[in-house]
Amino acid sequence: MSGIISNLLSKQMSIVDDAKEHIKRAYKEDNRPWVVGYSGGKDSTVVVQLVFEALSELPKEELHKKVYVISSDTLVETPLIINSITRTLRRIQDEALTRDLPIETHKVKPVIKQSFWVNIIGKGYPTPNQHFRWCTDRLKIDPANQFIMDKVSSFGEVIMVLGVREDESATRGNVIRSHTVQGKTFMRHTTLSNAYVYAPIRAFTLDDVWNYLLNHPSPWGDDNHELHRLYQDSNSGECPLVVDKSIKESAGSCGNSRFGCWVCTVVNEDKALSGFIQSGHDWMKPLLDFRNWLASIRDDRTRRMKYRMNGQIYFKEVKIEDLDGVPHVLIPKKSSRQKQHIPLDQYTIIPRENLKQHIADFNIDLSSPEDHKILVTYNEEMLDGEVVTKHAQIGLGPFTMETRKEILKYLLEVQRDLKHPEDPYHELISIEEIKAIRKIWFKHGDWEDQIPTLYEEVMGHSIDWEMDDRPLFDKDQISDLEMLCDQFKVDINVLKKLISIEKDFSGYKVRKGLMDELSRALKQDYLHL
């Protein structure tokens, strides 16, 4: 038995020593700075720790270039994890200064106008799912790539050091091998020019990863055994620092990972938050309840506008099925929405070319929460020449203003009542995001300026609002405008948009682009169909 243990330890020491020697040679190979991705998970921890130890073993005169350790903060990270990552980055930086190592730590974040809540509550984006995963680019890839490209502009080229392993999955292994050039240390990045990728633990197995972490104490004082317990409790994977749009699908969703976003709606069931709660973190239950509610309302037709953000109308074909001789419209299962059969006689069925007249006759507002249960019919010629009549619903667009307000109110209530044991003032949504949402709502027609009142009602205090964002009109003036619009059959939403565009351009001597913006607003599909 002792011989077997000795052989295992010897093998582990060999792969670790080989990795560190390879890192030293790679570091000394040129003057290109390194950017090391750190997500707080096992693989990225191994990479950062190996790099840290390798640099510590080099003579001071050979430490000739910077190593940037970056971590992605999507602003909706699981609270416990982002606090841990922040603490670790600070410890790495402090220990690097103590040892006089050329290491800098940074947290990269999305710009406020691209944050999760600004997109959902401000612009009305439907929550991400497997088919519309808009969050990865905006929250993770773009901020990391911007940091990398800033270094490229300063140094000409950079090396990305990532904790990717060939045995993580068949897809990941194939990607790594396909980008490897025989005899070359670095792989060319697939989407970023002048950026290269170095994968020092590509040959590590899962056992190698844990053997290293559990037998080599963290040089900056973290507890790797605690990290191991975190994985044991959750049975979840790691959410990597994704910096390549071409492989983001193979990276998978982080919704079941303890190192992902607490509000992830890409997965049907959030096992990560459930795992935390089952492990004794009961204070996180309101987060899970909110996440589940947010996922449940995504495909509710009464909560979505019936045209896209650019005003475009589109149609979604539906199938008609007979149930006990009665025709029903089949609404398929989607995300948390269950499969439904709705009797056909509950719908108004009209030819597609008559839709405009029908909307005018019944004064239908496609931006309102009401689902008017309209089906349009149209003929389509099949490959064999047969003409088939098909049915379609008007497709869904952004969340309605009413739903956006409901989401913001619920989110603020959760933030107000959250009992975070380490951070009693933990922000689920920042003041900067709320101010950005307020500006977007104003452009989208919220002239009543509801956010300051809503915020004070929920949180019990006010904040300093920008003076430039005050409403243009008081309630009586808005009421007069609405009556005039009704009298002259003008869409009040369009009028609000036109006035907001004019306000944006006011004060400029040269107002280039104003007419284009006004024209774009007037040409939206939902006005003309």
Protein backbone atom coordinates (compact mmCIF):
# COMPACT_ATOMS: atom_id res chain seq x y z
CA MET A 1 0.00 0.00 0.00
CA SER A 2 2.77 2.45 0.91
CA GLY A 3 4.39 1.72 -2.46
CA ILE A 4 1.20 2.62 -4.34
CA ILE A 5 0.83 5.89 -2.41
CA SER A 6 4.48 6.69 -3.03
CA ASN A 7 4.06 6.12 -6.77
CA LEU A 8 0.96 8.33 -6.89
CA LEU A 9 2.73 11.15 -5.06
CA SER A 10 5.75 10.79 -7.31
CA LYS A 11 3.55 11.01 -10.43
CA GLN A 12 1.77 14.06 -9.02
CA MET A 13 5.06 15.79 -8.18
CA SER A 14 6.29 15.06 -11.70
CA ILE A 15 3.31 16.62 -13.50
CA VAL A 16 3.36 19.66 -11.20
CA ASP A 17 7.11 20.18 -11.58
CA ASP A 18 6.84 19.76 -15.35
CA ALA A 19 4.01 22.31 -15.48
CA LYS A 20 5.97 24.88 -13.46
CA GLU A 21 9.11 24.43 -15.56
CA HIS A 22 7.04 24.84 -18.72
CA ILE A 23 5.48 28.02 -17.30
CA LYS A 24 8.93 29.43 -16.52
CA ARG A 25 10.17 28.75 -20.05
CA ALA A 26 7.02 30.21 -21.58
CA TYR A 27 7.25 33.32 -19.39
CA LYS A 28 10.87 33.95 -20.40
CA GLU A 29 10.21 33.27 -24.09
CA ASP A 30 9.29 36.88 -25.01
CA ASN A 31 8.16 40.27 -23.67
CA ARG A 32 4.43 39.86 -24.30
CA PRO A 33 2.46 40.42 -21.04
CA TRP A 34 0.23 37.65 -19.68
CA VAL A 35 -3.47 37.93 -18.85
CA VAL A 36 -4.51 35.05 -16.57
CA GLY A 37 -8.22 34.25 -16.35
CA TYR A 38 -9.49 33.53 -12.82
CA SER A 39 -13.10 32.47 -12.17
CA GLY A 40 -12.77 31.23 -8.58
CA GLY A 41 -13.16 27.60 -9.67
CA LYS A 42 -10.74 24.69 -9.43
CA ASP A 43 -9.07 24.87 -12.87
CA SER A 44 -8.44 28.60 -12.86
CA THR A 45 -7.20 28.37 -9.24
CA VAL A 46 -4.65 25.74 -10.31
CA VAL A 47 -3.39 27.96 -13.14
CA VAL A 48 -3.06 31.10 -11.00
CA GLN A 49 -1.36 29.15 -8.20
CA LEU A 50 1.10 27.44 -10.61
CA VAL A 51 1.97 30.76 -12.27
CA PHE A 52 2.39 32.41 -8.86
CA GLU A 53 4.70 29.62 -7.64
CA ALA A 54 6.69 29.53 -10.89
CA LEU A 55 7.33 33.27 -10.80
CA SER A 56 8.28 33.04 -7.12
CA GLU A 57 10.99 30.53 -8.04
CA LEU A 58 12.50 32.70 -10.78
CA PRO A 59 15.42 35.07 -10.04
CA LYS A 60 14.27 38.68 -9.64
CA GLU A 61 16.20 39.81 -12.73
CA GLU A 62 14.16 37.41 -14.89
CA LEU A 63 10.79 38.86 -13.81
CA HIS A 64 10.73 41.13 -16.83
CA LYS A 65 7.02 41.51 -17.72
CA LYS A 66 3.58 41.97 -16.17
CA VAL A 67 1.11 39.22 -15.35
CA TYR A 68 -2.49 40.46 -15.07
CA VAL A 69 -4.91 38.20 -13.16
CA ILE A 70 -8.43 39.13 -14.22
CA SER A 71 -11.80 37.94 -12.98
CA SER A 72 -15.19 38.62 -14.55
CA ASP A 73 -17.88 40.21 -12.38
CA THR A 74 -21.14 40.08 -14.34
CA LEU A 75 -22.81 42.18 -11.57
CA VAL A 76 -25.20 39.24 -11.02
CA GLU A 77 -22.68 36.77 -9.61
CA THR A 78 -23.76 34.45 -6.81
CA PRO A 79 -23.17 36.65 -3.71
CA LEU A 80 -21.00 34.19 -1.77
CA ILE A 81 -18.79 33.52 -4.79
CA ILE A 82 -18.19 37.11 -5.85
CA ASN A 83 -17.27 38.02 -2.27
CA SER A 84 -14.84 35.10 -2.23
CA ILE A 85 -13.33 36.09 -5.59
CA THR A 86 -12.91 39.70 -4.46
CA ARG A 87 -11.22 38.54 -1.27
CA THR A 88 -8.90 36.19 -3.20
CA LEU A 89 -7.90 38.85 -5.74
CA ARG A 90 -6.97 41.16 -2.85
CA ARG A 91 -4.92 38.40 -1.17
CA ILE A 92 -3.11 37.56 -4.44
CA GLN A 93 -2.27 41.22 -4.92
CA ASP A 94 -1.03 41.66 -1.34
CA GLU A 95 1.15 38.53 -1.46
CA ALA A 96 2.52 39.51 -4.89
CA LEU A 97 3.56 42.90 -3.48
CA THR A 98 5.16 41.19 -0.49
CA ARG A 99 7.20 38.92 -2.78
CA ASP A 100 7.88 41.71 -5.29
CA LEU A 101 6.24 39.80 -8.13
CA PRO A 102 5.02 41.64 -11.28
CA ILE A 103 1.41 40.52 -10.76
CA GLU A 104 -1.64 42.80 -10.89
CA THR A 105 -5.23 41.71 -10.17
CA HIS A 106 -8.28 43.23 -11.83
CA LYS A 107 -12.03 42.67 -11.86
CA VAL A 108 -13.66 43.31 -15.25
CA LYS A 109 -17.31 44.34 -15.38
CA PRO A 110 -19.81 45.07 -18.15
CA VAL A 111 -20.44 48.72 -18.96
CA ILE A 112 -23.59 49.86 -17.18
CA LYS A 113 -25.64 50.23 -20.36
CA GLN A 114 -25.01 46.51 -21.13
CA SER A 115 -25.65 45.13 -17.64
CA PHE A 116 -28.19 42.37 -17.02
CA TRP A 117 -30.74 44.59 -15.28
CA VAL A 118 -30.38 47.54 -17.66
CA ASN A 119 -31.12 45.20 -20.57
CA ILE A 120 -34.06 43.44 -18.88
CA ILE A 121 -35.68 46.17 -16.78
CA GLY A 122 -34.55 49.13 -18.86
CA LYS A 123 -34.87 47.89 -22.45
CA GLY A 124 -37.28 45.04 -21.77
CA TYR A 125 -35.08 42.21 -23.07
CA PRO A 126 -36.67 38.81 -22.42
CA THR A 127 -34.56 36.80 -20.00
CA PRO A 128 -31.87 34.64 -21.65
CA ASN A 129 -32.58 31.06 -22.66
CA GLN A 130 -30.77 28.41 -24.70
CA HIS A 131 -31.94 29.95 -27.99
CA PHE A 132 -31.44 33.61 -27.06
CA ARG A 133 -28.39 33.69 -24.79
CA TRP A 134 -27.58 37.36 -25.15
CA CYS A 135 -26.01 37.57 -21.67
CA THR A 136 -22.69 35.78 -22.31
CA ASP A 137 -21.39 38.32 -24.84
CA ARG A 138 -22.49 41.41 -22.93
CA LEU A 139 -21.65 40.33 -19.39
CA LYS A 140 -18.55 38.13 -19.77
CA ILE A 141 -16.90 38.09 -23.19
CA ASP A 142 -16.99 41.78 -24.08
CA PRO A 143 -15.62 43.10 -20.74
CA ALA A 144 -12.77 40.55 -20.72
CA ASN A 145 -11.97 41.18 -24.38
CA GLN A 146 -11.96 44.94 -23.82
CA PHE A 147 -9.33 44.50 -21.08
CA ILE A 148 -7.28 42.27 -23.38
CA MET A 149 -7.51 44.68 -26.32
CA ASP A 150 -6.49 47.59 -24.07
CA LYS A 151 -3.30 45.63 -23.29
CA VAL A 152 -2.84 44.82 -26.99
CA SER A 153 -2.99 48.52 -27.81
CA SER A 154 -0.34 49.18 -25.16
CA PHE A 155 2.00 46.25 -25.80
CA GLY A 156 1.25 45.09 -29.36
CA GLU A 157 0.44 41.48 -28.39
CA VAL A 158 -0.67 39.61 -25.26
CA ILE A 159 -0.81 36.02 -24.03
CA MET A 160 -4.07 34.75 -22.49
CA VAL A 161 -3.32 32.09 -19.84
CA LEU A 162 -6.41 29.91 -19.34
CA GLY A 163 -7.32 26.91 -17.18
CA VAL A 164 -8.65 24.78 -20.03
CA ARG A 165 -8.08 21.01 -20.03
CA GLU A 166 -8.44 18.48 -22.80
CA ASP A 167 -10.32 15.98 -20.62
CA GLU A 168 -13.00 18.49 -19.54
CA SER A 169 -15.14 17.37 -22.47
CA ALA A 170 -14.74 15.92 -25.95
CA THR A 171 -15.70 19.29 -27.45
CA ARG A 172 -13.18 21.24 -25.37
CA GLY A 173 -10.44 18.72 -26.17
CA ASN A 174 -11.14 18.99 -29.90
CA VAL A 175 -11.10 22.80 -29.75
CA ILE A 176 -7.74 22.85 -27.96
CA ARG A 177 -6.17 20.32 -30.33
CA SER A 178 -7.53 22.06 -33.44
CA HIS A 179 -5.82 25.32 -32.46
CA THR A 180 -2.51 23.74 -31.46
CA VAL A 181 0.51 24.17 -33.75
CA GLN A 182 3.12 21.43 -33.34
CA GLY A 183 6.20 22.71 -31.54
CA LYS A 184 4.55 26.03 -30.56
CA THR A 185 3.88 27.01 -26.95
CA PHE A 186 1.06 29.43 -27.75
CA MET A 187 -2.15 29.02 -29.75
CA ARG A 188 -3.49 31.89 -31.82
CA HIS A 189 -6.72 33.30 -30.40
CA THR A 190 -9.59 32.58 -32.79
CA THR A 191 -11.39 35.93 -32.55
CA LEU A 192 -8.94 38.48 -31.06
CA SER A 193 -6.18 39.72 -33.29
CA ASN A 194 -2.73 39.96 -31.68
CA ALA A 195 -3.83 37.74 -28.78
CA TYR A 196 -2.53 34.23 -28.12
CA VAL A 197 -3.62 31.48 -25.75
CA TYR A 198 -1.45 29.45 -23.38
CA ALA A 199 -2.98 26.43 -21.58
CA PRO A 200 -0.45 25.21 -18.99
CA ILE A 201 -2.75 22.51 -17.51
CA ARG A 202 -4.21 21.20 -20.76
CA ALA A 203 -2.89 17.69 -19.98
CA PHE A 204 -4.14 17.65 -16.35
CA THR A 205 -6.87 15.19 -15.43
CA LEU A 206 -9.53 15.98 -12.83
CA ASP A 207 -7.56 13.90 -10.31
CA ASP A 208 -4.40 15.87 -11.11
CA VAL A 209 -6.26 19.12 -10.42
CA TRP A 210 -7.53 18.05 -6.99
CA ASN A 211 -4.33 16.26 -6.01
CA TYR A 212 -2.41 19.45 -6.66
CA LEU A 213 -4.83 21.76 -4.85
CA LEU A 214 -5.17 19.53 -1.78
CA ASN A 215 -1.44 18.87 -1.44
CA HIS A 216 -0.10 22.36 -2.24
CA PRO A 217 -1.30 25.11 0.11
CA SER A 218 -2.40 28.36 -1.49
CA PRO A 219 0.55 30.80 -1.42
CA TRP A 220 -1.78 33.70 -0.67
CA GLY A 221 -3.58 31.96 2.21
CA ASP A 222 -6.83 30.63 0.71
CA ASP A 223 -8.18 27.27 1.86
CA ASN A 224 -8.18 24.85 -1.09
CA HIS A 225 -9.93 22.23 1.05
CA GLU A 226 -12.86 24.66 1.38
CA LEU A 227 -12.95 24.94 -2.42
CA HIS A 228 -13.07 21.13 -2.61
CA ARG A 229 -15.98 21.03 -0.16
CA LEU A 230 -17.81 23.58 -2.29
CA TYR A 231 -17.64 21.27 -5.28
CA GLN A 232 -18.59 18.20 -3.22
CA ASP A 233 -21.71 19.94 -1.90
CA SER A 234 -22.90 21.21 -5.26
CA ASN A 235 -22.01 18.49 -7.76
CA SER A 236 -21.62 21.38 -10.16
CA GLY A 237 -19.04 22.48 -12.64
CA GLU A 238 -16.99 25.59 -13.04
CA CYS A 239 -18.02 28.72 -14.90
CA PRO A 240 -14.93 29.59 -16.94
CA LEU A 241 -13.75 33.02 -17.97
CA VAL A 242 -15.05 32.95 -21.55
CA VAL A 243 -13.06 35.16 -23.92
CA ASP A 244 -13.86 33.52 -27.26
CA LYS A 245 -17.23 34.01 -28.96
CA SER A 246 -16.56 31.06 -31.27
CA ILE A 247 -16.56 28.56 -28.36
CA LYS A 248 -19.10 30.12 -26.01
CA GLU A 249 -21.69 27.47 -26.90
CA SER A 250 -19.26 24.63 -26.12
CA ALA A 251 -18.49 26.31 -22.80
CA GLY A 252 -22.10 25.62 -21.84
CA SER A 253 -24.33 27.47 -19.43
CA CYS A 254 -23.11 28.36 -15.97
CA GLY A 255 -26.63 28.13 -14.54
CA ASN A 256 -25.90 24.92 -12.66
CA SER A 257 -22.50 26.12 -11.50
CA ARG A 258 -21.80 27.70 -8.16
CA PHE A 259 -19.50 30.04 -10.02
CA GLY A 260 -22.20 31.40 -12.33
CA CYS A 261 -24.95 34.03 -12.11
CA TRP A 262 -27.51 33.71 -9.33
CA VAL A 263 -30.29 34.78 -11.67
CA CYS A 264 -29.41 32.46 -14.59
CA THR A 265 -32.54 31.57 -16.58
CA VAL A 266 -30.76 29.61 -19.33
CA VAL A 267 -31.31 26.40 -17.33
CA ASN A 268 -34.77 25.14 -16.41
CA GLU A 269 -33.79 24.46 -12.78
CA ASP A 270 -31.15 26.35 -10.84
CA LYS A 271 -29.35 23.57 -8.97
CA ALA A 272 -26.62 25.93 -7.80
CA LEU A 273 -28.81 28.16 -5.63
CA SER A 274 -30.76 25.10 -4.47
CA GLY A 275 -27.47 23.48 -3.46
CA PHE A 276 -26.44 26.54 -1.45
CA ILE A 277 -29.78 26.59 0.37
CA GLN A 278 -29.61 22.85 1.11
CA SER A 279 -26.09 23.40 2.48
CA GLY A 280 -27.49 25.75 5.12
CA HIS A 281 -27.50 29.15 3.38
CA ASP A 282 -31.22 29.72 3.95
CA TRP A 283 -30.82 33.48 3.47
CA MET A 284 -30.46 32.84 -0.29
CA LYS A 285 -33.99 31.41 -0.69
CA PRO A 286 -35.46 34.82 -1.71
CA LEU A 287 -32.92 34.88 -4.56
CA LEU A 288 -34.09 31.47 -5.77
CA ASP A 289 -37.75 32.49 -5.48
CA PHE A 290 -37.10 35.64 -7.51
CA ARG A 291 -35.09 33.73 -10.15
CA ASN A 292 -37.86 31.13 -10.54
CA TRP A 293 -40.52 33.83 -10.85
CA LEU A 294 -38.48 35.73 -13.44
CA ALA A 295 -38.08 32.55 -15.51
CA SER A 296 -41.80 31.76 -15.20
CA ILE A 297 -42.99 35.07 -16.70
CA ARG A 298 -40.66 35.04 -19.72
CA ASP A 299 -43.10 33.62 -22.27
CA ASP A 300 -46.30 35.00 -20.77
CA ARG A 301 -47.99 36.86 -23.65
CA THR A 302 -49.63 39.30 -21.24
CA ARG A 303 -46.18 40.50 -20.13
CA ARG A 304 -44.62 41.05 -23.56
CA MET A 305 -45.15 43.65 -26.27
CA LYS A 306 -46.26 42.32 -29.65
CA TYR A 307 -43.47 43.88 -31.69
CA ARG A 308 -39.68 43.90 -31.47
CA MET A 309 -37.57 46.76 -30.08
CA ASN A 310 -37.18 48.23 -33.57
CA GLY A 311 -40.94 48.17 -34.05
CA GLN A 312 -40.87 45.13 -36.34
CA ILE A 313 -43.87 42.81 -36.39
CA TYR A 314 -43.23 39.11 -36.91
CA PHE A 315 -45.33 35.95 -36.84
CA LYS A 316 -44.89 32.56 -35.19
CA GLU A 317 -46.62 29.61 -36.82
CA VAL A 318 -48.87 27.54 -34.52
CA LYS A 319 -50.23 24.04 -35.00
CA ILE A 320 -53.92 23.17 -34.80
CA GLU A 321 -54.71 19.81 -33.19
CA ASP A 322 -58.03 18.05 -32.64
CA LEU A 323 -58.82 16.99 -29.09
CA ASP A 324 -62.01 14.93 -28.87
CA GLY A 325 -63.12 16.41 -32.18
CA VAL A 326 -62.57 20.01 -31.03
CA PRO A 327 -59.75 22.00 -32.73
CA HIS A 328 -57.18 23.44 -30.32
CA VAL A 329 -54.13 25.68 -30.75
CA LEU A 330 -51.00 23.89 -29.54
CA ILE A 331 -48.66 26.07 -27.45
CA PRO A 332 -45.47 23.96 -27.08
CA LYS A 333 -43.46 23.66 -23.87
CA LYS A 334 -40.75 26.31 -23.66
CA SER A 335 -38.37 26.79 -20.71
CA SER A 336 -40.60 26.86 -17.60
CA ARG A 337 -43.81 27.26 -19.65
CA GLN A 338 -45.81 24.05 -19.85
CA LYS A 339 -47.38 22.68 -23.01
CA GLN A 340 -50.88 24.09 -23.55
CA HIS A 341 -53.94 23.35 -25.71
CA ILE A 342 -56.25 26.35 -26.15
CA PRO A 343 -59.61 25.93 -27.92
CA LEU A 344 -59.52 27.50 -31.37
CA ASP A 345 -62.84 29.26 -30.80
CA GLN A 346 -61.14 31.51 -28.21
CA TYR A 347 -59.19 33.19 -31.01
CA THR A 348 -60.10 35.79 -33.59
CA ILE A 349 -58.99 34.39 -36.95
CA ILE A 350 -58.33 36.81 -39.80
CA PRO A 351 -56.32 36.80 -43.06
CA ARG A 352 -52.88 38.30 -42.52
CA GLU A 353 -53.53 41.08 -45.04
CA ASN A 354 -56.53 42.25 -42.96
CA LEU A 355 -54.57 42.59 -39.71
CA LYS A 356 -53.95 46.32 -40.06
CA GLN A 357 -57.65 47.07 -40.52
CA HIS A 358 -58.59 44.80 -37.60
CA ILE A 359 -56.16 46.60 -35.28
CA ALA A 360 -57.51 49.98 -36.39
CA ASP A 361 -61.17 48.93 -36.05
CA PHE A 362 -60.72 47.65 -32.51
CA ASN A 363 -58.14 50.25 -31.41
CA ILE A 364 -55.65 47.55 -30.36
CA ASP A 365 -52.43 48.69 -28.63
CA LEU A 366 -49.71 46.16 -29.43
CA SER A 367 -47.53 47.51 -26.60
CA SER A 368 -50.16 46.79 -23.95
CA PRO A 369 -50.21 43.72 -21.67
CA GLU A 370 -53.47 42.39 -23.11
CA ASP A 371 -53.30 39.27 -25.28
CA HIS A 372 -56.02 39.82 -27.89
CA LYS A 373 -55.76 36.17 -29.06
CA ILE A 374 -55.44 36.96 -32.73
CA LEU A 375 -54.51 34.29 -35.26
CA VAL A 376 -53.63 35.28 -38.81
CA THR A 377 -53.99 32.89 -41.73
CA TYR A 378 -51.89 32.75 -44.88
CA ASN A 379 -51.30 30.34 -47.74
CA GLU A 380 -47.98 28.63 -48.33
CA GLU A 381 -47.04 26.54 -51.36
CA MET A 382 -45.34 23.26 -50.49
CA LEU A 383 -42.56 21.54 -52.48
CA ASP A 384 -45.08 19.28 -54.21
CA GLY A 385 -47.10 22.27 -55.36
CA GLU A 386 -49.89 21.86 -52.80
CA VAL A 387 -51.11 25.10 -51.21
CA VAL A 388 -51.60 24.82 -47.45
CA THR A 389 -53.34 27.31 -45.16
CA LYS A 390 -51.33 28.02 -42.04
CA HIS A 391 -52.06 29.83 -38.77
CA ALA A 392 -49.72 32.13 -36.87
CA GLN A 393 -49.65 34.30 -33.77
CA ILE A 394 -48.11 37.75 -33.61
CA GLY A 395 -44.62 37.20 -32.19
CA LEU A 396 -43.50 38.55 -28.82
CA GLY A 397 -41.12 41.45 -28.22
CA PRO A 398 -39.76 43.17 -25.10
CA PHE A 399 -41.36 43.04 -21.67
CA THR A 400 -44.14 45.60 -21.29
CA MET A 401 -43.46 48.70 -19.21
CA GLU A 402 -45.84 47.36 -16.57
CA THR A 403 -43.82 44.15 -16.26
CA ARG A 404 -40.49 46.00 -16.16
CA LYS A 405 -41.84 48.06 -13.28
CA GLU A 406 -43.00 44.86 -11.52
CA ILE A 407 -39.56 43.24 -11.95
CA LEU A 408 -37.77 46.32 -10.56
CA LYS A 409 -40.12 46.56 -7.58
CA TYR A 410 -39.72 42.85 -6.71
CA LEU A 411 -35.92 43.02 -7.14
CA LEU A 412 -35.64 46.05 -4.84
CA GLU A 413 -37.80 44.30 -2.23
CA VAL A 414 -35.50 41.25 -2.31
CA GLN A 415 -32.45 43.52 -2.01
CA ARG A 416 -34.00 45.43 0.91
CA ASP A 417 -34.86 42.26 2.85
CA LEU A 418 -31.78 40.15 1.99
CA LYS A 419 -30.01 38.90 5.12
CA HIS A 420 -26.51 38.43 3.69
CA PRO A 421 -24.36 37.28 6.67
CA GLU A 422 -21.15 38.88 5.34
CA ASP A 423 -22.52 41.94 3.55
CA PRO A 424 -25.71 43.47 5.03
CA TYR A 425 -25.75 46.11 2.25
CA HIS A 426 -25.24 43.71 -0.66
CA GLU A 427 -26.46 45.30 -3.92
CA LEU A 428 -28.45 43.17 -6.33
CA ILE A 429 -28.88 46.21 -8.57
CA SER A 430 -26.67 49.29 -8.32
CA ILE A 431 -27.71 52.94 -8.16
CA GLU A 432 -25.90 53.51 -11.49
CA GLU A 433 -28.03 50.79 -13.12
CA ILE A 434 -31.24 52.28 -11.70
CA LYS A 435 -30.32 55.71 -13.07
CA ALA A 436 -29.55 54.21 -16.48
CA ILE A 437 -32.92 52.39 -16.43
CA ARG A 438 -34.67 55.65 -15.58
CA LYS A 439 -33.19 57.34 -18.66
CA ILE A 440 -34.25 54.44 -20.89
CA TRP A 441 -37.78 54.43 -19.47
CA PHE A 442 -38.07 58.13 -20.16
CA LYS A 443 -37.14 57.52 -23.81
CA HIS A 444 -39.66 54.67 -23.92
CA GLY A 445 -42.47 56.96 -22.81
CA ASP A 446 -42.43 56.88 -19.00
CA TRP A 447 -43.07 60.59 -18.67
CA GLU A 448 -44.67 60.06 -15.28
CA ASP A 449 -41.10 59.35 -14.03
CA GLN A 450 -42.12 56.42 -11.83
CA ILE A 451 -38.69 55.22 -10.69
CA PRO A 452 -37.85 57.85 -8.01
CA THR A 453 -41.24 57.28 -6.35
CA LEU A 454 -41.00 53.49 -6.67
CA TYR A 455 -37.47 53.44 -5.24
CA GLU A 456 -38.39 55.59 -2.24
CA GLU A 457 -41.53 53.54 -1.52
CA VAL A 458 -39.60 50.26 -1.46
CA MET A 459 -36.27 51.30 0.03
CA GLY A 460 -37.53 53.94 2.43
CA HIS A 461 -35.12 56.64 1.32
CA SER A 462 -34.33 58.67 -1.78
CA ILE A 463 -31.15 59.13 -3.81
CA ASP A 464 -29.72 62.04 -5.79
CA TRP A 465 -31.22 62.01 -9.26
CA GLU A 466 -29.71 63.87 -12.24
CA MET A 467 -31.54 67.13 -12.83
CA ASP A 468 -31.46 66.66 -16.63
CA ASP A 469 -33.70 63.61 -16.31
CA ARG A 470 -36.68 65.42 -14.88
CA PRO A 471 -39.94 64.88 -16.78
CA LEU A 472 -40.65 67.33 -19.63
CA PHE A 473 -44.34 67.56 -18.80
CA ASP A 474 -46.48 67.38 -15.67
CA LYS A 475 -49.41 64.98 -15.33
CA ASP A 476 -52.03 67.47 -16.58
CA GLN A 477 -50.00 68.20 -19.71
CA ILE A 478 -49.51 64.48 -20.37
CA SER A 479 -53.28 63.95 -20.00
CA ASP A 480 -53.93 66.76 -22.52
CA LEU A 481 -51.49 65.19 -24.99
CA GLU A 482 -53.16 61.79 -24.63
CA MET A 483 -56.58 63.31 -25.40
CA LEU A 484 -55.21 65.13 -28.44
CA CYS A 485 -53.60 61.94 -29.70
CA ASP A 486 -56.91 60.11 -29.29
CA GLN A 487 -58.78 62.88 -31.09
CA PHE A 488 -56.44 62.91 -34.10
CA LYS A 489 -55.75 59.13 -34.09
CA VAL A 490 -52.03 59.53 -33.35
CA ASP A 491 -50.15 56.84 -31.40
CA ILE A 492 -49.16 58.41 -28.06
CA ASN A 493 -46.13 56.09 -27.81
CA VAL A 494 -44.78 57.40 -31.11
CA LEU A 495 -45.33 61.00 -30.08
CA LYS A 496 -43.44 60.38 -26.84
CA LYS A 497 -40.59 58.77 -28.78
CA LEU A 498 -40.39 61.68 -31.24
CA ILE A 499 -40.29 64.24 -28.43
CA SER A 500 -37.61 62.21 -26.59
CA ILE A 501 -35.49 62.11 -29.77
CA GLU A 502 -35.87 65.88 -30.14
CA LYS A 503 -34.82 66.32 -26.49
CA ASP A 504 -31.68 64.20 -27.06
CA PHE A 505 -30.62 66.49 -29.91
CA SER A 506 -31.56 69.78 -28.23
CA GLY A 507 -28.74 72.17 -27.41
CA TYR A 508 -26.44 71.03 -30.26
CA LYS A 509 -25.49 73.50 -32.99
CA VAL A 510 -25.12 70.66 -35.49
CA ARG A 511 -27.92 68.15 -35.12
CA LYS A 512 -26.67 65.57 -37.60
CA GLY A 513 -28.73 62.40 -37.54
CA LEU A 514 -31.90 63.96 -36.07
CA MET A 515 -34.00 63.43 -39.21
CA ASP A 516 -32.77 59.86 -39.55
CA GLU A 517 -33.84 59.10 -35.97
CA LEU A 518 -37.25 60.71 -36.47
CA SER A 519 -37.73 58.83 -39.75
CA ARG A 520 -36.75 55.53 -38.14
CA ALA A 521 -39.34 56.04 -35.40
CA LEU A 522 -42.07 56.81 -37.95
CA LYS A 523 -41.31 53.78 -40.13
CA GLN A 524 -41.75 51.15 -37.44
CA ASP A 525 -43.76 48.11 -38.54
CA TYR A 526 -46.33 48.26 -35.79
CA LEU A 527 -47.52 51.63 -37.12
CA HIS A 528 -47.96 50.43 -40.67
CA LEU A 529 -48.00 46.62 -40.65
